[in-house]
Amino acid sequence: MSHNSFGHLFRVTTFGESHGVGLGCVIDGCPPMLPLTAEEIQLELDRRRPGQSRFTTQRREPDAVKIISGVMVDPQGVQRTTGTPIALMIDNVDQRSKDYGDIWQSYRPGHADYPYDIKYGIRDYRGGGRSSARETAARVAAGAIARKVIPDVVIRAALVQVGPHTIDRDAWDWDEVSRNDFFCPDAKAAALFADYLDEIRKSHSSIGAVIEVVAENVPVGWGAPIYGKLDSDLASAMMSINAVKGVEIGEGFAAACLRGEDNADEMRVGPDGQPHFLSNHAGGVLGGISTGQPVVVRFAVKPTSSILTPRKSVDRYGRETDILTKGRHDPCVGIRAVPVGEAMMACVLADHFLRHRGQVGQSATWPFSPEPNKA
């Protein structure tokens, strides 16, 4: 199975399965001399870690990360990157493969079991193997390193919708994201999500969600037409996250309802003498190139496919069957996808920063020159 890597100059390869010995990643292209410790990576992994509330899987994984290569301690006692591949390892310690013993030959509706089996002739029925959301722990670890490459860029994400329930955008408070179990920027919506998910969980079902990721302080000029567009790489990165079924940049699908004069982000010269946009319908990207505005991406996560409610299916021998999935699963996998979305944003932006620096060094300044005199 190939295609386990993403990125160009900042390149990440993940490995491991949900119920294997462990999982991790190898990061190639990280610049040398960046201070980096396992504790810094662990801070991000702890945000994604399972078992922290009744609204996520109760699998107890510490997700303790080990740096295997790519760093050394300098004479001043600071551990820094060396510019060589950085290998990270996270052990699995609480896998319960026996929970899946009854379904090893049956296909879970909504899961990747059937196409995996047809394509490769074998599938990892123990929690889904590579198709499990557990793989995203490696992405979060890589994202922590990517943030080191672009320290001036502020990347934050929030859960903005669970099922049919959405936040009040007028009540958006980034500080609230760390105060509830949902990474939600609206305290009232978080309370509603809690009641709603309790009902979903007790009914042995699951529900989908929408996550919004925002990157601020992204300079003008990152990304390149035609096939290196920043927004297309972001869309690809977010869509690669397990269970994601839709991605939009800026207004996204809502732009189809706007008139041209409403959708266009008008410009004026600000007090600092630089161009300022009066809106951000484009989500910080025009023509595949960053505009200097916040880069805004949203992605939709489907309901968790592994549920205790029986579903109609077939097995690999052509027999019809009804199937329910035991084990410990997220009633809303979108909750823990919030730090994953941040990580993928960080990895893409780090890659585009290095690509931009390699191609043009630095962007031109505006205005280019005084307006020429007219004859």
Protein backbone atom coordinates (compact mmCIF):
# COMPACT_ATOMS: atom_id res chain seq x y z
CA MET A 1 0.00 0.00 0.00
CA SER A 2 1.61 3.25 -1.15
CA HIS A 3 0.41 6.86 -0.80
CA ASN A 4 1.18 7.26 2.92
CA SER A 5 3.03 10.57 2.43
CA PHE A 6 1.93 14.14 1.84
CA GLY A 7 3.69 17.45 1.28
CA HIS A 8 6.60 18.44 -0.96
CA LEU A 9 9.44 20.18 0.88
CA PHE A 10 7.89 19.59 4.30
CA ARG A 11 6.94 15.96 3.76
CA VAL A 12 5.16 13.70 6.25
CA THR A 13 4.88 9.92 6.04
CA THR A 14 2.65 8.21 8.62
CA PHE A 15 2.71 4.54 9.58
CA GLY A 16 0.97 2.13 11.93
CA GLU A 17 -2.49 0.73 12.60
CA SER A 18 -5.20 1.23 15.18
CA HIS A 19 -4.58 -2.12 16.89
CA GLY A 20 -0.93 -2.66 15.97
CA VAL A 21 2.10 -2.17 18.21
CA GLY A 22 1.98 1.57 17.64
CA LEU A 23 1.94 4.34 15.06
CA GLY A 24 3.99 7.32 14.12
CA CYS A 25 5.44 9.42 11.34
CA VAL A 26 8.63 10.43 9.59
CA ILE A 27 9.04 14.12 8.74
CA ASP A 28 11.43 15.01 5.95
CA GLY A 29 12.44 18.57 5.10
CA CYS A 30 12.19 20.19 8.52
CA PRO A 31 14.82 22.97 8.66
CA PRO A 32 17.73 22.55 11.08
CA MET A 33 18.34 24.45 14.33
CA LEU A 34 14.70 24.68 15.43
CA PRO A 35 14.31 24.05 19.18
CA LEU A 36 12.14 20.96 19.63
CA THR A 37 11.23 18.73 22.57
CA ALA A 38 8.88 15.79 22.96
CA GLU A 39 7.00 17.81 25.57
CA GLU A 40 6.04 20.42 22.98
CA ILE A 41 4.65 17.74 20.68
CA GLN A 42 2.86 16.11 23.62
CA LEU A 43 0.91 19.31 24.32
CA GLU A 44 -0.82 18.97 20.95
CA LEU A 45 -1.32 15.21 21.27
CA ASP A 46 -2.99 15.66 24.65
CA ARG A 47 -5.65 17.83 23.03
CA ARG A 48 -6.57 15.00 20.65
CA ARG A 49 -6.11 12.13 23.13
CA PRO A 50 -9.13 9.80 23.58
CA GLY A 51 -10.97 9.13 26.82
CA GLN A 52 -11.07 12.70 28.12
CA SER A 53 -14.86 13.03 28.29
CA ARG A 54 -18.00 10.94 27.90
CA PHE A 55 -18.40 12.38 24.41
CA THR A 56 -15.34 10.59 22.98
CA THR A 57 -14.13 7.01 22.81
CA GLN A 58 -13.21 5.58 26.21
CA ARG A 59 -10.10 3.89 24.84
CA ARG A 60 -7.34 4.84 27.30
CA GLU A 61 -4.29 5.82 25.30
CA PRO A 62 -1.66 8.15 26.80
CA ASP A 63 -0.36 8.87 23.27
CA ALA A 64 3.11 9.41 24.71
CA VAL A 65 5.38 10.47 21.85
CA LYS A 66 9.04 9.56 21.48
CA ILE A 67 11.46 11.36 19.16
CA ILE A 68 13.56 8.63 17.54
CA SER A 69 15.74 10.71 15.23
CA GLY A 70 16.38 14.13 13.74
CA VAL A 71 17.29 16.06 16.90
CA MET A 72 20.36 16.61 19.06
CA VAL A 73 21.27 18.65 22.12
CA ASP A 74 23.55 21.59 21.31
CA PRO A 75 26.44 22.79 23.53
CA GLN A 76 24.05 25.15 25.32
CA GLY A 77 21.83 22.23 26.31
CA VAL A 78 18.99 23.03 23.86
CA GLN A 79 17.57 20.16 21.82
CA ARG A 80 17.33 21.24 18.18
CA THR A 81 16.39 19.77 14.83
CA THR A 82 19.32 18.68 12.67
CA GLY A 83 17.67 18.93 9.26
CA THR A 84 17.63 15.14 8.92
CA PRO A 85 14.43 13.06 8.95
CA ILE A 86 12.54 13.30 12.24
CA ALA A 87 10.95 10.00 13.30
CA LEU A 88 8.21 10.01 15.94
CA MET A 89 6.71 6.94 17.64
CA ILE A 90 3.51 6.55 19.67
CA ASP A 91 2.83 3.17 21.31
CA ASN A 92 -0.63 1.60 21.42
CA VAL A 93 -1.32 0.38 24.96
CA ASP A 94 -5.11 -0.10 25.23
CA GLN A 95 -6.23 -1.86 22.06
CA ARG A 96 -8.93 -4.53 22.55
CA SER A 97 -8.93 -6.49 19.31
CA LYS A 98 -11.28 -9.15 20.72
CA ASP A 99 -14.11 -6.61 20.44
CA TYR A 100 -13.96 -7.14 16.67
CA GLY A 101 -13.77 -10.93 16.64
CA ASP A 102 -17.40 -11.36 15.55
CA ILE A 103 -17.09 -9.16 12.45
CA TRP A 104 -13.79 -10.25 10.92
CA GLN A 105 -15.53 -11.51 7.78
CA SER A 106 -18.40 -8.98 7.63
CA TYR A 107 -18.38 -5.47 6.21
CA ARG A 108 -19.42 -2.53 8.38
CA PRO A 109 -21.75 -0.20 6.44
CA GLY A 110 -20.21 3.24 6.09
CA HIS A 111 -16.72 1.93 6.82
CA ALA A 112 -13.84 1.18 4.45
CA ASP A 113 -14.00 -2.59 4.99
CA TYR A 114 -15.46 -3.55 1.61
CA PRO A 115 -13.26 -1.49 -0.74
CA TYR A 116 -10.13 -2.35 1.29
CA ASP A 117 -10.89 -6.07 1.02
CA ILE A 118 -11.63 -5.90 -2.71
CA LYS A 119 -8.54 -3.79 -3.46
CA TYR A 120 -5.95 -5.62 -1.33
CA GLY A 121 -7.52 -9.01 -0.62
CA ILE A 122 -7.03 -8.39 3.08
CA ARG A 123 -8.26 -5.86 5.62
CA ASP A 124 -7.51 -5.09 9.22
CA TYR A 125 -10.85 -5.71 10.91
CA ARG A 126 -9.39 -4.70 14.30
CA GLY A 127 -10.69 -1.17 14.44
CA GLY A 128 -10.11 -0.46 10.78
CA GLY A 129 -6.31 -0.48 10.70
CA ARG A 130 -5.08 2.43 8.59
CA SER A 131 -8.62 3.68 8.00
CA SER A 132 -9.12 4.25 11.73
CA ALA A 133 -9.12 7.78 13.12
CA ARG A 134 -6.32 6.59 15.41
CA GLU A 135 -3.95 7.26 12.49
CA THR A 136 -4.52 10.98 12.99
CA ALA A 137 -2.42 10.99 16.17
CA ALA A 138 0.64 10.88 13.91
CA ARG A 139 -0.66 13.87 11.96
CA VAL A 140 -1.09 15.90 15.14
CA ALA A 141 2.48 15.09 16.14
CA ALA A 142 3.71 16.24 12.71
CA GLY A 143 1.62 19.39 12.96
CA ALA A 144 3.35 20.34 16.21
CA ILE A 145 6.66 20.35 14.35
CA ALA A 146 5.17 22.22 11.38
CA ARG A 147 4.16 25.04 13.73
CA LYS A 148 7.85 25.43 14.59
CA VAL A 149 8.61 26.14 10.93
CA ILE A 150 6.07 28.99 10.78
CA PRO A 151 6.08 30.41 14.35
CA ASP A 152 4.44 33.71 13.41
CA VAL A 153 1.34 32.02 11.99
CA VAL A 154 -1.48 31.51 14.49
CA ILE A 155 -3.57 28.42 13.75
CA ARG A 156 -6.79 27.73 15.64
CA ALA A 157 -9.82 25.54 15.02
CA ALA A 158 -13.25 25.13 16.53
CA LEU A 159 -16.27 22.86 16.33
CA VAL A 160 -19.05 24.98 14.79
CA GLN A 161 -21.79 22.41 14.16
CA VAL A 162 -22.94 19.07 15.58
CA GLY A 163 -25.71 17.41 13.60
CA PRO A 164 -28.27 20.13 12.81
CA HIS A 165 -27.14 22.39 15.68
CA THR A 166 -24.82 25.32 14.88
CA ILE A 167 -23.07 27.97 16.94
CA ASP A 168 -24.05 31.63 17.21
CA ARG A 169 -21.23 33.34 15.35
CA ASP A 170 -21.94 36.60 17.15
CA ALA A 171 -20.98 34.79 20.38
CA TRP A 172 -17.66 33.47 18.99
CA ASP A 173 -15.00 33.46 21.74
CA TRP A 174 -11.67 31.75 21.04
CA ASP A 175 -10.96 31.54 24.79
CA GLU A 176 -14.10 29.43 25.23
CA VAL A 177 -12.66 26.70 22.96
CA SER A 178 -10.40 25.41 25.75
CA ARG A 179 -13.11 25.60 28.42
CA ASN A 180 -15.51 22.91 27.16
CA ASP A 181 -15.39 19.33 25.91
CA PHE A 182 -16.20 20.26 22.30
CA PHE A 183 -13.57 22.83 21.28
CA CYS A 184 -16.62 25.04 20.78
CA PRO A 185 -16.29 28.88 20.66
CA ASP A 186 -19.87 29.42 21.89
CA ALA A 187 -20.63 28.43 25.51
CA LYS A 188 -24.40 28.12 24.97
CA ALA A 189 -23.91 25.94 21.91
CA ALA A 190 -21.49 23.73 23.85
CA ALA A 191 -24.15 23.12 26.49
CA LEU A 192 -26.66 22.25 23.75
CA PHE A 193 -24.13 19.90 22.11
CA ALA A 194 -23.69 18.10 25.44
CA ASP A 195 -27.42 17.37 25.85
CA TYR A 196 -27.79 16.41 22.21
CA LEU A 197 -24.81 14.04 22.22
CA ASP A 198 -26.01 12.37 25.40
CA GLU A 199 -29.17 11.45 23.52
CA ILE A 200 -27.18 10.22 20.52
CA ARG A 201 -24.83 8.18 22.69
CA LYS A 202 -27.61 6.55 24.71
CA SER A 203 -29.44 5.58 21.51
CA HIS A 204 -26.31 3.67 20.37
CA SER A 205 -25.89 5.95 17.37
CA SER A 206 -23.49 8.65 16.19
CA ILE A 207 -23.62 12.06 14.54
CA GLY A 208 -21.53 14.24 12.23
CA ALA A 209 -19.97 17.67 12.75
CA VAL A 210 -18.36 20.67 11.05
CA ILE A 211 -14.96 22.07 12.05
CA GLU A 212 -13.61 25.49 11.10
CA VAL A 213 -9.86 26.10 10.93
CA VAL A 214 -8.42 29.63 10.82
CA ALA A 215 -4.79 30.60 10.16
CA GLU A 216 -3.83 34.22 10.89
CA ASN A 217 -0.65 36.11 9.98
CA VAL A 218 -0.19 34.15 6.75
CA PRO A 219 1.80 36.52 4.49
CA VAL A 220 0.76 37.46 0.98
CA GLY A 221 2.12 35.15 -1.70
CA TRP A 222 2.08 31.56 -0.44
CA GLY A 223 0.77 29.09 -3.02
CA ALA A 224 1.22 28.88 -6.77
CA PRO A 225 -0.97 28.43 -9.84
CA ILE A 226 -1.96 26.20 -11.41
CA TYR A 227 -1.39 22.88 -9.69
CA GLY A 228 0.24 24.14 -6.51
CA LYS A 229 -2.64 26.26 -5.25
CA LEU A 230 -2.72 26.83 -1.52
CA ASP A 231 -6.46 26.23 -1.31
CA SER A 232 -6.34 23.03 -3.38
CA ASP A 233 -3.58 21.62 -1.14
CA LEU A 234 -5.58 22.60 1.94
CA ALA A 235 -8.68 20.94 0.54
CA SER A 236 -6.72 17.78 -0.24
CA ALA A 237 -5.15 17.72 3.22
CA MET A 238 -8.46 18.17 5.04
CA MET A 239 -10.23 15.66 2.82
CA SER A 240 -7.53 13.10 3.65
CA ILE A 241 -8.57 13.15 7.32
CA ASN A 242 -10.51 10.02 8.20
CA ALA A 243 -14.32 10.47 7.98
CA VAL A 244 -14.17 13.87 6.23
CA LYS A 245 -16.73 14.13 3.41
CA GLY A 246 -16.66 17.80 2.47
CA VAL A 247 -14.29 20.81 2.49
CA GLU A 248 -14.85 24.47 1.74
CA ILE A 249 -12.64 27.57 1.68
CA GLY A 250 -14.03 30.93 2.78
CA GLU A 251 -17.71 31.19 1.84
CA GLY A 252 -17.43 27.81 0.15
CA PHE A 253 -20.76 26.48 -1.08
CA ALA A 254 -22.53 29.57 0.26
CA ALA A 255 -20.77 31.58 -2.47
CA ALA A 256 -23.18 30.01 -4.97
CA CYS A 257 -25.95 32.10 -3.39
CA LEU A 258 -24.09 35.42 -3.60
CA ARG A 259 -24.10 38.05 -6.32
CA GLY A 260 -20.78 39.14 -7.77
CA GLU A 261 -20.80 42.49 -5.99
CA ASP A 262 -21.47 40.75 -2.66
CA ASN A 263 -18.86 38.02 -3.04
CA ALA A 264 -15.98 40.22 -4.23
CA ASP A 265 -13.72 41.31 -1.37
CA GLU A 266 -13.33 45.06 -1.96
CA MET A 267 -10.04 46.78 -1.17
CA ARG A 268 -8.90 50.10 0.21
CA VAL A 269 -5.57 51.52 1.38
CA GLY A 270 -5.40 51.25 5.16
CA PRO A 271 -3.82 53.60 7.73
CA ASP A 272 -0.55 51.69 7.35
CA GLY A 273 -0.44 52.46 3.63
CA GLN A 274 -1.08 48.83 2.69
CA PRO A 275 -4.06 47.31 0.88
CA HIS A 276 -6.83 46.24 3.23
CA PHE A 277 -9.76 43.99 2.35
CA LEU A 278 -13.22 45.00 3.49
CA SER A 279 -14.41 41.38 3.74
CA ASN A 280 -13.01 37.85 3.46
CA HIS A 281 -15.41 35.81 1.36
CA ALA A 282 -12.40 34.25 -0.40
CA GLY A 283 -11.09 32.77 2.82
CA GLY A 284 -7.67 34.35 2.45
CA VAL A 285 -6.83 32.78 -0.92
CA LEU A 286 -7.19 34.20 -4.45
CA GLY A 287 -5.96 32.37 -7.53
CA GLY A 288 -4.43 29.77 -5.24
CA ILE A 289 -2.22 32.41 -3.55
CA SER A 290 -2.60 33.74 -0.01
CA THR A 291 -3.83 37.34 0.24
CA GLY A 292 -2.60 38.16 3.73
CA GLN A 293 -6.09 37.74 5.16
CA PRO A 294 -6.93 34.91 7.57
CA VAL A 295 -7.03 31.58 5.76
CA VAL A 296 -10.39 29.98 6.59
CA VAL A 297 -11.22 26.32 5.94
CA ARG A 298 -14.20 24.26 7.05
CA PHE A 299 -14.67 20.52 6.77
CA ALA A 300 -17.58 18.19 7.43
CA VAL A 301 -17.08 14.93 9.32
CA LYS A 302 -19.55 12.10 8.82
CA PRO A 303 -21.11 10.15 11.72
CA THR A 304 -18.89 7.42 13.18
CA SER A 305 -19.54 4.26 11.16
CA SER A 306 -18.98 1.86 14.08
CA ILE A 307 -22.24 1.87 16.05
CA LEU A 308 -24.19 -0.55 18.25
CA THR A 309 -27.38 -0.22 16.20
CA PRO A 310 -27.73 -3.27 13.86
CA ARG A 311 -27.27 -2.50 10.14
CA LYS A 312 -27.85 -4.64 7.06
CA SER A 313 -24.69 -5.84 5.30
CA VAL A 314 -22.96 -8.76 3.58
CA ASP A 315 -19.84 -10.75 4.35
CA ARG A 316 -16.84 -11.56 2.16
CA TYR A 317 -18.42 -14.86 1.15
CA GLY A 318 -21.55 -13.30 -0.35
CA ARG A 319 -23.90 -13.95 2.55
CA GLU A 320 -26.35 -11.33 3.83
CA THR A 321 -26.03 -10.45 7.49
CA ASP A 322 -26.95 -7.88 10.12
CA ILE A 323 -24.02 -6.27 11.87
CA LEU A 324 -23.37 -4.14 14.94
CA THR A 325 -19.94 -3.03 16.05
CA LYS A 326 -18.85 -3.53 19.64
CA GLY A 327 -15.96 -1.69 21.18
CA ARG A 328 -15.26 1.89 22.18
CA HIS A 329 -16.06 4.53 19.58
CA ASP A 330 -16.68 8.27 19.40
CA PRO A 331 -20.37 9.19 19.21
CA CYS A 332 -19.09 12.25 17.32
CA VAL A 333 -15.64 11.76 15.85
CA GLY A 334 -15.68 15.39 14.76
CA ILE A 335 -14.80 16.53 18.29
CA ARG A 336 -11.30 15.10 18.24
CA ALA A 337 -10.90 16.16 14.61
CA VAL A 338 -10.43 19.78 15.75
CA PRO A 339 -6.69 19.46 16.63
CA VAL A 340 -6.27 17.24 13.56
CA GLY A 341 -7.56 20.04 11.34
CA GLU A 342 -5.12 22.46 12.96
CA ALA A 343 -2.28 20.00 12.34
CA MET A 344 -3.11 19.59 8.66
CA MET A 345 -3.34 23.36 8.23
CA ALA A 346 0.09 23.71 9.88
CA CYS A 347 1.68 21.04 7.69
CA VAL A 348 0.33 22.55 4.46
CA LEU A 349 1.36 26.09 5.43
CA ALA A 350 4.84 24.97 6.50
CA ASP A 351 5.25 23.21 3.16
CA HIS A 352 4.08 26.28 1.21
CA PHE A 353 6.34 28.57 3.24
CA LEU A 354 9.37 26.47 2.28
CA ARG A 355 8.24 26.23 -1.35
CA HIS A 356 7.67 29.99 -1.52
CA ARG A 357 11.06 30.72 0.02
CA GLY A 358 12.75 28.37 -2.42
CA GLN A 359 11.10 29.94 -5.47
CA VAL A 360 11.07 33.69 -4.87
CA GLY A 361 12.96 34.28 -1.63
CA GLN A 362 10.55 36.99 -0.54
CA SER A 363 7.48 38.66 -1.99
CA ALA A 364 7.65 42.03 -3.69
CA THR A 365 6.62 45.13 -1.74
CA TRP A 366 3.61 47.26 -2.53
CA PRO A 367 3.27 49.78 -4.09
CA PHE A 368 5.88 48.85 -6.65
CA SER A 369 6.76 52.44 -7.61
CA PRO A 370 5.19 55.88 -7.76
CA GLU A 371 2.49 56.17 -10.37
CA PRO A 372 4.11 57.19 -13.67
CA ASN A 373 3.42 60.71 -14.92
CA LYS A 374 0.90 60.86 -17.67
CA ALA A 375 1.92 62.64 -20.85
